[in-house]
Amino acid sequence: MSKVLIIEDEVAIADLEKDYLELSGFEVEVENSGDVGLERALAEEFDMYILDLMLPGIDGFEICKRIREVKNTPILMVSAKKDDIDKIRGLGLGADDYITKPFSPSELVARVKAHLARYERLIGSSQQENDIIEIRGIRIDKTARRVWVNNEEKQFTTKEFDLLTFLAEHPNHVFTKEELFREIWDMESVGDIATVTVHIKKIREKIEINTAKPQYIETIWGVGYRFKI
């Protein structure tokens, strides 16, 4: 649910905006003072800001300027002023849109939805896709550090995840217990290679249908383990 902050000193207008936006599925917070509104805008995370221009304490122009210095969140300015110079100034400070009073509440909602949709598309296009490994029903999300087995999410400890991921990234390669210990635990394996065996056992319990006949992590007797594809 998108969260909107309205900074508007006219209580009746703020309540009207809030009601219509909430009916459209938004979570809405209202501040009637420019000072407090700016403080919240900078300290908290919102998906959009609706600013009145004429506010007690700090006006909408200054709030817009301060927000835009640190955030790219959409800003909609609302004002009774119809002069083009005010629109130009507001847009020049980084506002995404400018709407003059009186206005239709449905128009406000439509503009809010349009700007949020556009912003979400821009954010989505700039985000890198998660690094995913998929092998025969196992899906490992390296970015989010999550694992699914046949579409069911399984919980792994940090070392279990690291060991599974390392093996899956090097399929059909046989690693000794000593090599795996050095790779995952980053230390010499003298006297500690049993740790690898224990972790392999725990991983198998989470990914294998039958741990006695593993489909994924195969034991190469006298050598070590490999991940089969």
C-alpha atoms as a PDB file:
ATOM      1  CA  MET A   1       0.000   0.000   0.000  1.00  0.00           C
ATOM      2  CA  SER A   2       1.458   3.353  -1.072  1.00  0.00           C
ATOM      3  CA  LYS A   3       1.917   5.904   1.707  1.00  0.00           C
ATOM      4  CA  VAL A   4       1.165   9.587   1.065  1.00  0.00           C
ATOM      5  CA  LEU A   5       2.013  12.603   3.219  1.00  0.00           C
ATOM      6  CA  ILE A   6      -0.286  15.625   2.873  1.00  0.00           C
ATOM      7  CA  ILE A   7       1.049  18.927   4.195  1.00  0.00           C
ATOM      8  CA  GLU A   8      -1.936  21.284   4.161  1.00  0.00           C
ATOM      9  CA  ASP A   9      -2.979  23.915   6.722  1.00  0.00           C
ATOM     10  CA  GLU A  10      -6.644  24.055   5.681  1.00  0.00           C
ATOM     11  CA  VAL A  11      -8.066  21.189   7.704  1.00  0.00           C
ATOM     12  CA  ALA A  12     -11.219  20.752   5.593  1.00  0.00           C
ATOM     13  CA  ILE A  13      -9.204  20.429   2.385  1.00  0.00           C
ATOM     14  CA  ALA A  14      -6.681  18.095   3.986  1.00  0.00           C
ATOM     15  CA  ASP A  15      -9.484  15.867   5.295  1.00  0.00           C
ATOM     16  CA  LEU A  16     -11.160  15.795   1.880  1.00  0.00           C
ATOM     17  CA  GLU A  17      -7.895  14.824   0.174  1.00  0.00           C
ATOM     18  CA  LYS A  18      -7.248  12.203   2.819  1.00  0.00           C
ATOM     19  CA  ASP A  19     -10.725  10.661   2.522  1.00  0.00           C
ATOM     20  CA  TYR A  20     -10.591  10.329  -1.256  1.00  0.00           C
ATOM     21  CA  LEU A  21      -7.074   8.910  -1.269  1.00  0.00           C
ATOM     22  CA  GLU A  22      -7.896   6.388   1.460  1.00  0.00           C
ATOM     23  CA  LEU A  23     -10.987   5.287  -0.484  1.00  0.00           C
ATOM     24  CA  SER A  24      -8.641   4.651  -3.399  1.00  0.00           C
ATOM     25  CA  GLY A  25      -6.444   2.373  -1.306  1.00  0.00           C
ATOM     26  CA  PHE A  26      -3.706   4.734  -0.116  1.00  0.00           C
ATOM     27  CA  GLU A  27      -2.336   5.077   3.400  1.00  0.00           C
ATOM     28  CA  VAL A  28      -2.426   8.781   4.218  1.00  0.00           C
ATOM     29  CA  GLU A  29      -0.801  10.963   6.881  1.00  0.00           C
ATOM     30  CA  VAL A  30      -1.631  14.663   7.331  1.00  0.00           C
ATOM     31  CA  GLU A  31       0.364  17.536   8.816  1.00  0.00           C
ATOM     32  CA  ASN A  32      -1.029  21.074   9.048  1.00  0.00           C
ATOM     33  CA  SER A  33       2.257  22.808   9.837  1.00  0.00           C
ATOM     34  CA  GLY A  34       5.084  23.345   7.387  1.00  0.00           C
ATOM     35  CA  ASP A  35       7.746  22.820  10.051  1.00  0.00           C
ATOM     36  CA  VAL A  36       6.391  19.491  11.283  1.00  0.00           C
ATOM     37  CA  GLY A  37       5.529  18.392   7.758  1.00  0.00           C
ATOM     38  CA  LEU A  38       9.086  18.962   6.567  1.00  0.00           C
ATOM     39  CA  GLU A  39      10.500  17.158   9.589  1.00  0.00           C
ATOM     40  CA  ARG A  40       8.357  14.095   8.878  1.00  0.00           C
ATOM     41  CA  ALA A  41       9.024  14.234   5.149  1.00  0.00           C
ATOM     42  CA  LEU A  42      12.762  14.047   5.738  1.00  0.00           C
ATOM     43  CA  ALA A  43      12.707  11.581   8.623  1.00  0.00           C
ATOM     44  CA  GLU A  44      10.130   9.067   7.367  1.00  0.00           C
ATOM     45  CA  GLU A  45       9.575   7.097   4.172  1.00  0.00           C
ATOM     46  CA  PHE A  46       6.615   8.101   2.016  1.00  0.00           C
ATOM     47  CA  ASP A  47       5.750   7.212  -1.577  1.00  0.00           C
ATOM     48  CA  MET A  48       4.403  10.674  -2.428  1.00  0.00           C
ATOM     49  CA  TYR A  49       4.080  14.172  -0.991  1.00  0.00           C
ATOM     50  CA  ILE A  50       1.178  16.577  -1.522  1.00  0.00           C
ATOM     51  CA  LEU A  51       2.221  20.096  -0.533  1.00  0.00           C
ATOM     52  CA  ASP A  52       0.183  23.243  -0.116  1.00  0.00           C
ATOM     53  CA  LEU A  53       2.184  26.348  -0.997  1.00  0.00           C
ATOM     54  CA  MET A  54       0.994  28.712   1.730  1.00  0.00           C
ATOM     55  CA  LEU A  55       1.821  27.071   5.041  1.00  0.00           C
ATOM     56  CA  PRO A  56       2.588  28.331   8.538  1.00  0.00           C
ATOM     57  CA  GLY A  57       6.247  28.033   9.462  1.00  0.00           C
ATOM     58  CA  ILE A  58       7.826  26.876   6.212  1.00  0.00           C
ATOM     59  CA  ASP A  59       6.098  27.286   2.850  1.00  0.00           C
ATOM     60  CA  GLY A  60       5.617  24.588   0.233  1.00  0.00           C
ATOM     61  CA  PHE A  61       8.390  25.924  -1.987  1.00  0.00           C
ATOM     62  CA  GLU A  62      11.001  25.482   0.727  1.00  0.00           C
ATOM     63  CA  ILE A  63       9.642  22.049   1.686  1.00  0.00           C
ATOM     64  CA  CYS A  64       9.804  20.950  -1.940  1.00  0.00           C
ATOM     65  CA  LYS A  65      13.364  22.187  -2.248  1.00  0.00           C
ATOM     66  CA  ARG A  66      14.487  20.430   0.946  1.00  0.00           C
ATOM     67  CA  ILE A  67      12.830  17.123   0.016  1.00  0.00           C
ATOM     68  CA  ARG A  68      14.261  17.150  -3.465  1.00  0.00           C
ATOM     69  CA  GLU A  69      17.782  17.615  -2.086  1.00  0.00           C
ATOM     70  CA  VAL A  70      17.666  14.124  -0.606  1.00  0.00           C
ATOM     71  CA  LYS A  71      14.783  12.206  -2.220  1.00  0.00           C
ATOM     72  CA  ASN A  72      13.358  11.532  -5.671  1.00  0.00           C
ATOM     73  CA  THR A  73       9.881  10.761  -4.344  1.00  0.00           C
ATOM     74  CA  PRO A  74       7.031  12.321  -6.393  1.00  0.00           C
ATOM     75  CA  ILE A  75       5.812  15.727  -5.187  1.00  0.00           C
ATOM     76  CA  LEU A  76       2.443  17.277  -6.082  1.00  0.00           C
ATOM     77  CA  MET A  77       1.977  20.957  -5.239  1.00  0.00           C
ATOM     78  CA  VAL A  78      -1.477  22.297  -4.412  1.00  0.00           C
ATOM     79  CA  SER A  79      -2.278  26.009  -4.311  1.00  0.00           C
ATOM     80  CA  ALA A  80      -5.024  28.600  -4.716  1.00  0.00           C
ATOM     81  CA  LYS A  81      -2.498  30.641  -6.703  1.00  0.00           C
ATOM     82  CA  LYS A  82      -3.100  30.388 -10.427  1.00  0.00           C
ATOM     83  CA  ASP A  83      -0.146  32.501 -11.544  1.00  0.00           C
ATOM     84  CA  ASP A  84       2.174  30.788 -13.985  1.00  0.00           C
ATOM     85  CA  ILE A  85       5.178  32.153 -12.101  1.00  0.00           C
ATOM     86  CA  ASP A  86       4.256  30.040  -9.068  1.00  0.00           C
ATOM     87  CA  LYS A  87       3.845  26.942 -11.198  1.00  0.00           C
ATOM     88  CA  ILE A  88       7.160  27.578 -12.891  1.00  0.00           C
ATOM     89  CA  ARG A  89       8.871  28.122  -9.563  1.00  0.00           C
ATOM     90  CA  GLY A  90       7.380  24.997  -8.023  1.00  0.00           C
ATOM     91  CA  LEU A  91       8.252  22.795 -10.969  1.00  0.00           C
ATOM     92  CA  GLY A  92      11.688  24.359 -11.109  1.00  0.00           C
ATOM     93  CA  LEU A  93      12.306  23.327  -7.505  1.00  0.00           C
ATOM     94  CA  GLY A  94      11.590  19.726  -8.395  1.00  0.00           C
ATOM     95  CA  ALA A  95       7.836  19.288  -8.025  1.00  0.00           C
ATOM     96  CA  ASP A  96       6.379  16.695 -10.409  1.00  0.00           C
ATOM     97  CA  ASP A  97       2.997  18.387 -10.798  1.00  0.00           C
ATOM     98  CA  TYR A  98       0.979  21.447  -9.795  1.00  0.00           C
ATOM     99  CA  ILE A  99      -2.773  21.576  -9.242  1.00  0.00           C
ATOM    100  CA  THR A 100      -4.779  24.701  -8.405  1.00  0.00           C
ATOM    101  CA  LYS A 101      -7.683  25.043  -5.968  1.00  0.00           C
ATOM    102  CA  PRO A 102     -10.538  24.415  -6.285  1.00  0.00           C
ATOM    103  CA  PHE A 103     -10.002  21.027  -7.851  1.00  0.00           C
ATOM    104  CA  SER A 104     -11.934  17.809  -8.254  1.00  0.00           C
ATOM    105  CA  PRO A 105     -10.923  15.196  -5.655  1.00  0.00           C
ATOM    106  CA  SER A 106     -11.111  12.565  -8.392  1.00  0.00           C
ATOM    107  CA  GLU A 107      -8.600  14.583 -10.434  1.00  0.00           C
ATOM    108  CA  LEU A 108      -6.249  14.662  -7.444  1.00  0.00           C
ATOM    109  CA  VAL A 109      -6.513  10.884  -7.038  1.00  0.00           C
ATOM    110  CA  ALA A 110      -5.909  10.357 -10.763  1.00  0.00           C
ATOM    111  CA  ARG A 111      -2.786  12.503 -10.707  1.00  0.00           C
ATOM    112  CA  VAL A 112      -1.445  10.779  -7.608  1.00  0.00           C
ATOM    113  CA  LYS A 113      -1.959   7.359  -9.211  1.00  0.00           C
ATOM    114  CA  ALA A 114      -0.324   8.456 -12.459  1.00  0.00           C
ATOM    115  CA  HIS A 115       2.777   9.869 -10.784  1.00  0.00           C
ATOM    116  CA  LEU A 116       3.183   6.859  -8.493  1.00  0.00           C
ATOM    117  CA  ALA A 117       2.854   4.457 -11.416  1.00  0.00           C
ATOM    118  CA  ARG A 118       5.433   6.389 -13.392  1.00  0.00           C
ATOM    119  CA  TYR A 119       7.828   6.530 -10.431  1.00  0.00           C
ATOM    120  CA  GLU A 120       7.469   2.805  -9.773  1.00  0.00           C
ATOM    121  CA  ARG A 121       8.253   2.062 -13.431  1.00  0.00           C
ATOM    122  CA  LEU A 122      11.364   4.227 -13.241  1.00  0.00           C
ATOM    123  CA  ILE A 123      12.508   2.617 -10.000  1.00  0.00           C
ATOM    124  CA  GLY A 124      11.805  -0.848 -11.358  1.00  0.00           C
ATOM    125  CA  SER A 125      13.764  -0.250 -14.533  1.00  0.00           C
ATOM    126  CA  SER A 126      16.792   0.965 -12.577  1.00  0.00           C
ATOM    127  CA  GLN A 127      16.922  -1.955 -10.191  1.00  0.00           C
ATOM    128  CA  GLN A 128      19.176  -4.859 -11.000  1.00  0.00           C
ATOM    129  CA  GLU A 129      17.552  -8.258 -11.132  1.00  0.00           C
ATOM    130  CA  ASN A 130      18.376 -10.650  -8.329  1.00  0.00           C
ATOM    131  CA  ASP A 131      21.158 -13.153  -8.959  1.00  0.00           C
ATOM    132  CA  ILE A 132      19.335 -16.483  -9.320  1.00  0.00           C
ATOM    133  CA  ILE A 133      20.577 -20.069  -9.684  1.00  0.00           C
ATOM    134  CA  GLU A 134      18.002 -22.620 -10.877  1.00  0.00           C
ATOM    135  CA  ILE A 135      18.789 -26.325 -11.114  1.00  0.00           C
ATOM    136  CA  ARG A 136      16.173 -29.071 -11.422  1.00  0.00           C
ATOM    137  CA  GLY A 137      13.553 -27.667  -9.067  1.00  0.00           C
ATOM    138  CA  ILE A 138      15.954 -25.816  -6.773  1.00  0.00           C
ATOM    139  CA  ARG A 139      15.890 -22.032  -6.946  1.00  0.00           C
ATOM    140  CA  ILE A 140      18.613 -20.134  -5.074  1.00  0.00           C
ATOM    141  CA  ASP A 141      18.247 -16.366  -4.830  1.00  0.00           C
ATOM    142  CA  LYS A 142      21.781 -15.225  -4.024  1.00  0.00           C
ATOM    143  CA  THR A 143      20.727 -11.582  -3.637  1.00  0.00           C
ATOM    144  CA  ALA A 144      17.947 -12.229  -1.129  1.00  0.00           C
ATOM    145  CA  ARG A 145      19.664 -15.356   0.295  1.00  0.00           C
ATOM    146  CA  ARG A 146      16.531 -17.476  -0.065  1.00  0.00           C
ATOM    147  CA  VAL A 147      16.046 -21.020  -1.329  1.00  0.00           C
ATOM    148  CA  TRP A 148      13.022 -22.785  -2.815  1.00  0.00           C
ATOM    149  CA  VAL A 149      12.751 -26.516  -3.446  1.00  0.00           C
ATOM    150  CA  ASN A 150       9.920 -27.404  -5.825  1.00  0.00           C
ATOM    151  CA  ASN A 151       8.372 -23.973  -5.123  1.00  0.00           C
ATOM    152  CA  GLU A 152       8.480 -24.460  -1.348  1.00  0.00           C
ATOM    153  CA  GLU A 153      10.765 -22.098   0.520  1.00  0.00           C
ATOM    154  CA  LYS A 154      13.270 -23.744   2.854  1.00  0.00           C
ATOM    155  CA  GLN A 155      15.161 -22.086   5.697  1.00  0.00           C
ATOM    156  CA  PHE A 156      18.952 -22.321   5.666  1.00  0.00           C
ATOM    157  CA  THR A 157      21.580 -21.162   8.126  1.00  0.00           C
ATOM    158  CA  THR A 158      24.285 -18.846   6.794  1.00  0.00           C
ATOM    159  CA  LYS A 159      26.866 -21.584   6.276  1.00  0.00           C
ATOM    160  CA  GLU A 160      24.323 -24.041   4.881  1.00  0.00           C
ATOM    161  CA  PHE A 161      23.293 -21.428   2.308  1.00  0.00           C
ATOM    162  CA  ASP A 162      26.902 -20.601   1.440  1.00  0.00           C
ATOM    163  CA  LEU A 163      27.843 -24.253   1.027  1.00  0.00           C
ATOM    164  CA  LEU A 164      24.780 -25.084  -1.103  1.00  0.00           C
ATOM    165  CA  THR A 165      25.341 -22.018  -3.281  1.00  0.00           C
ATOM    166  CA  PHE A 166      29.032 -22.767  -3.784  1.00  0.00           C
ATOM    167  CA  LEU A 167      28.343 -26.341  -4.858  1.00  0.00           C
ATOM    168  CA  ALA A 168      25.478 -25.281  -7.152  1.00  0.00           C
ATOM    169  CA  GLU A 169      27.719 -22.668  -8.783  1.00  0.00           C
ATOM    170  CA  HIS A 170      30.270 -25.407  -9.610  1.00  0.00           C
ATOM    171  CA  PRO A 171      28.117 -28.289 -10.815  1.00  0.00           C
ATOM    172  CA  ASN A 172      29.720 -31.657 -11.546  1.00  0.00           C
ATOM    173  CA  HIS A 173      32.966 -30.527  -9.894  1.00  0.00           C
ATOM    174  CA  VAL A 174      34.200 -32.808  -7.131  1.00  0.00           C
ATOM    175  CA  PHE A 175      35.436 -30.970  -4.029  1.00  0.00           C
ATOM    176  CA  THR A 176      37.227 -32.545  -1.097  1.00  0.00           C
ATOM    177  CA  LYS A 177      35.994 -31.822   2.407  1.00  0.00           C
ATOM    178  CA  GLU A 178      39.183 -29.870   3.018  1.00  0.00           C
ATOM    179  CA  GLU A 179      38.554 -27.663  -0.029  1.00  0.00           C
ATOM    180  CA  LEU A 180      34.968 -26.987   1.003  1.00  0.00           C
ATOM    181  CA  PHE A 181      35.978 -26.151   4.541  1.00  0.00           C
ATOM    182  CA  ARG A 182      38.607 -23.686   3.394  1.00  0.00           C
ATOM    183  CA  GLU A 183      36.193 -22.127   0.882  1.00  0.00           C
ATOM    184  CA  ILE A 184      33.171 -21.711   3.172  1.00  0.00           C
ATOM    185  CA  TRP A 185      34.755 -21.326   6.605  1.00  0.00           C
ATOM    186  CA  ASP A 186      37.877 -19.558   5.344  1.00  0.00           C
ATOM    187  CA  MET A 187      40.277 -21.391   7.621  1.00  0.00           C
ATOM    188  CA  GLU A 188      42.479 -24.475   7.654  1.00  0.00           C
ATOM    189  CA  SER A 189      40.509 -27.683   7.949  1.00  0.00           C
ATOM    190  CA  VAL A 190      42.783 -29.673  10.236  1.00  0.00           C
ATOM    191  CA  GLY A 191      40.582 -31.503  12.722  1.00  0.00           C
ATOM    192  CA  ASP A 192      37.417 -29.745  11.533  1.00  0.00           C
ATOM    193  CA  ILE A 193      36.330 -31.427   8.291  1.00  0.00           C
ATOM    194  CA  ALA A 194      33.483 -33.157  10.159  1.00  0.00           C
ATOM    195  CA  THR A 195      31.783 -29.747  10.043  1.00  0.00           C
ATOM    196  CA  VAL A 196      31.392 -30.162   6.276  1.00  0.00           C
ATOM    197  CA  THR A 197      29.820 -33.589   6.673  1.00  0.00           C
ATOM    198  CA  VAL A 198      27.307 -32.286   9.194  1.00  0.00           C
ATOM    199  CA  HIS A 199      26.320 -29.368   6.979  1.00  0.00           C
ATOM    200  CA  ILE A 200      25.966 -31.585   3.896  1.00  0.00           C
ATOM    201  CA  LYS A 201      23.647 -33.838   5.928  1.00  0.00           C
ATOM    202  CA  LYS A 202      21.499 -30.868   6.981  1.00  0.00           C
ATOM    203  CA  ILE A 203      21.330 -29.498   3.442  1.00  0.00           C
ATOM    204  CA  ARG A 204      20.280 -32.888   2.073  1.00  0.00           C
ATOM    205  CA  GLU A 205      17.469 -33.077   4.614  1.00  0.00           C
ATOM    206  CA  LYS A 206      16.090 -29.859   3.128  1.00  0.00           C
ATOM    207  CA  ILE A 207      16.577 -30.434  -0.609  1.00  0.00           C
ATOM    208  CA  GLU A 208      16.506 -34.195  -1.182  1.00  0.00           C
ATOM    209  CA  ILE A 209      13.396 -36.354  -1.472  1.00  0.00           C
ATOM    210  CA  ASN A 210      15.360 -39.350  -0.221  1.00  0.00           C
ATOM    211  CA  THR A 211      18.571 -38.530   1.631  1.00  0.00           C
ATOM    212  CA  ALA A 212      19.736 -42.147   1.190  1.00  0.00           C
ATOM    213  CA  LYS A 213      19.664 -41.662  -2.584  1.00  0.00           C
ATOM    214  CA  PRO A 214      20.550 -37.976  -3.109  1.00  0.00           C
ATOM    215  CA  GLN A 215      19.612 -36.433  -6.457  1.00  0.00           C
ATOM    216  CA  TYR A 216      21.607 -33.242  -5.988  1.00  0.00           C
ATOM    217  CA  ILE A 217      24.629 -33.491  -3.701  1.00  0.00           C
ATOM    218  CA  GLU A 218      26.438 -36.729  -4.454  1.00  0.00           C
ATOM    219  CA  THR A 219      29.089 -38.305  -2.249  1.00  0.00           C
ATOM    220  CA  ILE A 220      32.201 -39.382  -4.108  1.00  0.00           C
ATOM    221  CA  TRP A 221      33.592 -41.969  -1.713  1.00  0.00           C
ATOM    222  CA  GLY A 222      37.141 -41.352  -0.635  1.00  0.00           C
ATOM    223  CA  VAL A 223      37.175 -37.917  -2.276  1.00  0.00           C
ATOM    224  CA  GLY A 224      34.360 -35.528  -1.347  1.00  0.00           C
ATOM    225  CA  TYR A 225      31.129 -34.142  -2.825  1.00  0.00           C
ATOM    226  CA  ARG A 226      29.744 -32.795  -6.062  1.00  0.00           C
ATOM    227  CA  PHE A 227      26.509 -31.147  -7.115  1.00  0.00           C
ATOM    228  CA  LYS A 228      24.927 -33.093  -9.978  1.00  0.00           C
ATOM    229  CA  ILE A 229      23.039 -31.444 -12.842  1.00  0.00           C
END
